[in-house]
C-alpha cells in the first residue's frame, strides 16, 4: 500500500503537485501532532508521567501487559478506511 506519490521533477527542478495522496492519513497525522501539542500545553502529560511511574510502566513486562490489554480494548485502526 503506498502512502503518496509525487511525479517526477519538471524541467527547472520543480516538483509536480501531489495528486495521489491518501488525504485521510495526512489529516490523521496532522491531527495527532495537534493533539500532542495540546496535551503538552495543558500540562496533562506532566501530570500523567508520575502516575505512570507509580503504576510501574517503566518496567518492560508491565508496559507490555498494559499495552496488550489497552490495545484490545481500544482499536488503533480505523475500520472505516479499510
N, C-alpha and C. Protein backbone atom coordinates (compact mmCIF):
# COMPACT_ATOMS: atom_id res chain seq x y z
N UNK A 1 0.85 -1.18 0.00
CA UNK A 1 0.00 0.00 0.00
C UNK A 1 0.90 1.23 0.00
N UNK A 2 0.66 2.13 -0.89
CA UNK A 2 1.52 3.30 -0.94
C UNK A 2 0.87 4.46 -0.20
N UNK A 3 1.69 5.26 0.40
CA UNK A 3 1.21 6.40 1.18
C UNK A 3 0.89 7.57 0.26
N UNK A 4 1.83 8.03 -0.48
CA UNK A 4 1.57 9.03 -1.51
C UNK A 4 2.70 8.99 -2.52
N UNK A 5 2.44 9.53 -3.68
CA UNK A 5 3.46 9.56 -4.72
C UNK A 5 3.57 10.97 -5.26
N UNK A 6 4.74 11.30 -5.72
CA UNK A 6 5.00 12.59 -6.36
C UNK A 6 5.54 12.28 -7.74
N UNK A 7 5.00 12.97 -8.73
CA UNK A 7 5.51 12.76 -10.09
C UNK A 7 6.94 13.27 -10.20
N UNK A 8 7.60 12.84 -11.25
CA UNK A 8 8.99 13.25 -11.46
C UNK A 8 9.12 14.76 -11.53
N UNK A 9 10.30 15.23 -11.27
CA UNK A 9 10.55 16.67 -11.32
C UNK A 9 10.35 17.19 -12.73
N UNK A 10 9.77 18.35 -12.80
CA UNK A 10 9.59 19.00 -14.08
C UNK A 10 10.88 19.72 -14.45
N UNK A 11 11.03 20.09 -15.71
CA UNK A 11 12.23 20.86 -16.09
C UNK A 11 12.33 22.12 -15.23
N UNK A 12 13.49 22.40 -14.78
CA UNK A 12 13.69 23.54 -13.91
C UNK A 12 13.77 23.14 -12.44
N UNK A 13 13.60 21.84 -12.16
CA UNK A 13 13.77 21.34 -10.81
C UNK A 13 12.55 21.45 -9.91
N UNK A 14 11.41 21.87 -10.44
CA UNK A 14 10.22 22.00 -9.60
C UNK A 14 9.49 20.67 -9.54
N UNK A 15 8.97 20.35 -8.38
CA UNK A 15 8.24 19.10 -8.18
C UNK A 15 6.78 19.33 -8.51
N UNK A 16 6.21 18.39 -9.23
CA UNK A 16 4.79 18.48 -9.59
C UNK A 16 3.95 18.26 -8.33
N UNK A 17 2.72 18.76 -8.30
CA UNK A 17 1.86 18.62 -7.12
C UNK A 17 1.54 17.15 -6.82
N UNK A 18 1.22 16.90 -5.59
CA UNK A 18 0.85 15.55 -5.17
C UNK A 18 -0.62 15.34 -5.55
N UNK A 19 -0.87 14.36 -6.41
CA UNK A 19 -2.24 14.09 -6.83
C UNK A 19 -2.79 12.80 -6.25
N UNK A 20 -1.89 11.91 -5.88
CA UNK A 20 -2.32 10.58 -5.49
C UNK A 20 -2.12 10.34 -3.99
N UNK A 21 -2.34 11.36 -3.19
CA UNK A 21 -2.12 11.24 -1.74
C UNK A 21 -3.33 10.63 -1.07
N UNK A 22 -3.09 9.90 -0.01
CA UNK A 22 -4.17 9.40 0.84
C UNK A 22 -4.43 10.48 1.89
N UNK A 23 -5.30 11.41 1.57
CA UNK A 23 -5.51 12.59 2.39
C UNK A 23 -6.02 12.26 3.78
N UNK A 24 -6.74 11.15 3.92
CA UNK A 24 -7.23 10.78 5.25
C UNK A 24 -6.06 10.54 6.20
N UNK A 25 -5.01 9.89 5.71
CA UNK A 25 -3.85 9.63 6.56
C UNK A 25 -3.10 10.92 6.88
N UNK A 26 -2.99 11.80 5.91
CA UNK A 26 -2.32 13.07 6.17
C UNK A 26 -3.08 13.87 7.22
N UNK A 27 -4.40 13.89 7.13
CA UNK A 27 -5.21 14.60 8.13
C UNK A 27 -5.05 13.93 9.49
N UNK A 28 -5.02 12.59 9.52
CA UNK A 28 -4.82 11.87 10.77
C UNK A 28 -3.50 12.26 11.43
N UNK A 29 -2.41 12.28 10.66
CA UNK A 29 -1.12 12.62 11.24
C UNK A 29 -1.07 14.07 11.71
N UNK A 30 -1.65 14.98 10.96
CA UNK A 30 -1.70 16.38 11.39
C UNK A 30 -2.49 16.49 12.69
N UNK A 31 -3.62 15.78 12.75
CA UNK A 31 -4.44 15.78 13.96
C UNK A 31 -3.69 15.23 15.16
N UNK A 32 -2.87 14.20 14.95
CA UNK A 32 -2.10 13.64 16.05
C UNK A 32 -1.06 14.64 16.56
N UNK A 33 -0.43 15.38 15.65
CA UNK A 33 0.52 16.40 16.09
C UNK A 33 -0.17 17.52 16.85
N UNK A 34 -1.35 17.93 16.38
CA UNK A 34 -2.10 18.98 17.08
C UNK A 34 -2.52 18.49 18.46
N UNK A 35 -3.01 17.26 18.54
CA UNK A 35 -3.41 16.69 19.83
C UNK A 35 -2.23 16.59 20.79
N UNK A 36 -1.10 16.14 20.29
CA UNK A 36 0.09 16.01 21.15
C UNK A 36 0.52 17.37 21.69
N UNK A 37 0.54 18.38 20.84
CA UNK A 37 0.92 19.72 21.29
C UNK A 37 -0.09 20.27 22.30
N UNK A 38 -1.37 20.01 22.06
CA UNK A 38 -2.40 20.46 23.00
C UNK A 38 -2.24 19.81 24.36
N UNK A 39 -1.94 18.52 24.39
CA UNK A 39 -1.73 17.82 25.66
C UNK A 39 -0.50 18.34 26.38
N UNK A 40 0.53 18.67 25.62
CA UNK A 40 1.74 19.24 26.23
C UNK A 40 1.44 20.61 26.85
N UNK A 41 0.72 21.46 26.13
CA UNK A 41 0.44 22.82 26.61
C UNK A 41 -0.49 22.84 27.82
N UNK A 42 -1.41 21.88 27.90
CA UNK A 42 -2.32 21.86 29.05
C UNK A 42 -1.65 21.30 30.30
N UNK A 43 -0.52 20.64 30.14
CA UNK A 43 0.18 20.07 31.29
C UNK A 43 -0.30 18.68 31.64
N UNK A 44 -1.18 18.11 30.83
CA UNK A 44 -1.70 16.78 31.12
C UNK A 44 -0.61 15.72 31.06
N UNK A 45 0.32 15.86 30.14
CA UNK A 45 1.41 14.89 30.03
C UNK A 45 2.26 14.92 31.29
N UNK A 46 2.55 16.10 31.80
CA UNK A 46 3.35 16.23 33.02
C UNK A 46 2.63 15.60 34.21
N UNK A 47 1.30 15.63 34.21
CA UNK A 47 0.53 15.00 35.29
C UNK A 47 0.49 13.49 35.15
N UNK A 48 0.53 12.99 33.93
CA UNK A 48 0.43 11.55 33.70
C UNK A 48 1.74 10.80 33.92
N UNK A 49 2.86 11.47 33.77
CA UNK A 49 4.16 10.80 33.91
C UNK A 49 4.37 10.25 35.32
N UNK A 50 4.11 11.02 36.38
CA UNK A 50 4.27 10.43 37.72
C UNK A 50 3.30 9.27 37.97
N UNK A 51 2.09 9.37 37.44
CA UNK A 51 1.13 8.29 37.61
C UNK A 51 1.63 7.02 36.90
N UNK A 52 2.21 7.17 35.72
CA UNK A 52 2.77 6.02 35.01
C UNK A 52 3.91 5.40 35.80
N UNK A 53 4.68 6.21 36.50
CA UNK A 53 5.76 5.69 37.34
C UNK A 53 5.22 4.91 38.52
N UNK A 54 4.13 5.40 39.12
CA UNK A 54 3.53 4.69 40.26
C UNK A 54 2.95 3.35 39.83
N UNK A 55 2.38 3.29 38.63
CA UNK A 55 1.82 2.04 38.14
C UNK A 55 2.93 1.05 37.79
N UNK A 56 4.09 1.55 37.44
CA UNK A 56 5.22 0.69 37.11
C UNK A 56 5.45 0.54 35.62
N UNK A 57 4.99 1.51 34.82
CA UNK A 57 5.13 1.40 33.37
C UNK A 57 6.58 1.53 32.89
N UNK A 58 7.49 1.84 33.79
CA UNK A 58 8.91 1.89 33.40
C UNK A 58 9.50 0.48 33.30
N UNK A 59 8.78 -0.52 33.81
CA UNK A 59 9.23 -1.92 33.72
C UNK A 59 8.65 -2.54 32.46
N UNK A 60 9.51 -3.15 31.62
CA UNK A 60 9.06 -3.67 30.32
C UNK A 60 7.90 -4.66 30.40
N UNK A 61 7.90 -5.55 31.39
CA UNK A 61 6.82 -6.55 31.47
C UNK A 61 5.47 -5.89 31.76
N UNK A 62 5.45 -4.93 32.66
CA UNK A 62 4.19 -4.24 32.98
C UNK A 62 3.75 -3.37 31.81
N UNK A 63 4.69 -2.70 31.16
CA UNK A 63 4.34 -1.89 29.99
C UNK A 63 3.76 -2.77 28.88
N UNK A 64 4.37 -3.94 28.65
CA UNK A 64 3.88 -4.85 27.61
C UNK A 64 2.47 -5.35 27.93
N UNK A 65 2.25 -5.76 29.18
CA UNK A 65 0.93 -6.26 29.58
C UNK A 65 -0.13 -5.16 29.48
N UNK A 66 0.21 -3.97 29.94
CA UNK A 66 -0.73 -2.85 29.88
C UNK A 66 -1.06 -2.50 28.44
N UNK A 67 -0.05 -2.48 27.59
CA UNK A 67 -0.27 -2.19 26.17
C UNK A 67 -1.15 -3.24 25.52
N UNK A 68 -0.91 -4.51 25.85
CA UNK A 68 -1.72 -5.59 25.27
C UNK A 68 -3.18 -5.47 25.68
N UNK A 69 -3.43 -5.19 26.95
CA UNK A 69 -4.82 -5.06 27.43
C UNK A 69 -5.49 -3.85 26.80
N UNK A 70 -4.82 -2.70 26.81
CA UNK A 70 -5.44 -1.48 26.27
C UNK A 70 -5.64 -1.57 24.76
N UNK A 71 -4.72 -2.21 24.05
CA UNK A 71 -4.88 -2.29 22.59
C UNK A 71 -6.02 -3.22 22.21
N UNK A 72 -6.39 -4.14 23.09
CA UNK A 72 -7.55 -4.98 22.82
C UNK A 72 -8.85 -4.29 23.19
N UNK A 73 -8.79 -3.32 24.08
CA UNK A 73 -9.99 -2.58 24.47
C UNK A 73 -10.29 -1.44 23.50
N UNK A 74 -9.24 -0.78 23.04
CA UNK A 74 -9.38 0.37 22.15
C UNK A 74 -8.67 0.06 20.84
N UNK A 75 -9.42 0.04 19.75
CA UNK A 75 -8.82 -0.25 18.46
C UNK A 75 -7.97 0.92 17.99
N UNK A 76 -6.82 0.62 17.44
CA UNK A 76 -5.97 1.69 16.89
C UNK A 76 -6.02 1.72 15.36
N UNK A 77 -6.94 1.00 14.77
CA UNK A 77 -7.13 1.00 13.31
C UNK A 77 -8.55 1.47 13.03
N UNK A 78 -8.64 2.50 12.21
CA UNK A 78 -9.96 3.00 11.86
C UNK A 78 -10.57 2.10 10.79
N UNK A 79 -11.57 1.34 11.16
CA UNK A 79 -12.12 0.34 10.26
C UNK A 79 -12.87 0.97 9.07
N UNK A 80 -13.24 2.22 9.17
CA UNK A 80 -13.95 2.87 8.06
C UNK A 80 -13.05 3.11 6.87
N UNK A 81 -11.73 3.14 7.08
CA UNK A 81 -10.81 3.43 5.99
C UNK A 81 -10.39 2.19 5.24
N UNK A 82 -10.66 1.00 5.79
CA UNK A 82 -10.13 -0.22 5.19
C UNK A 82 -11.26 -1.14 4.78
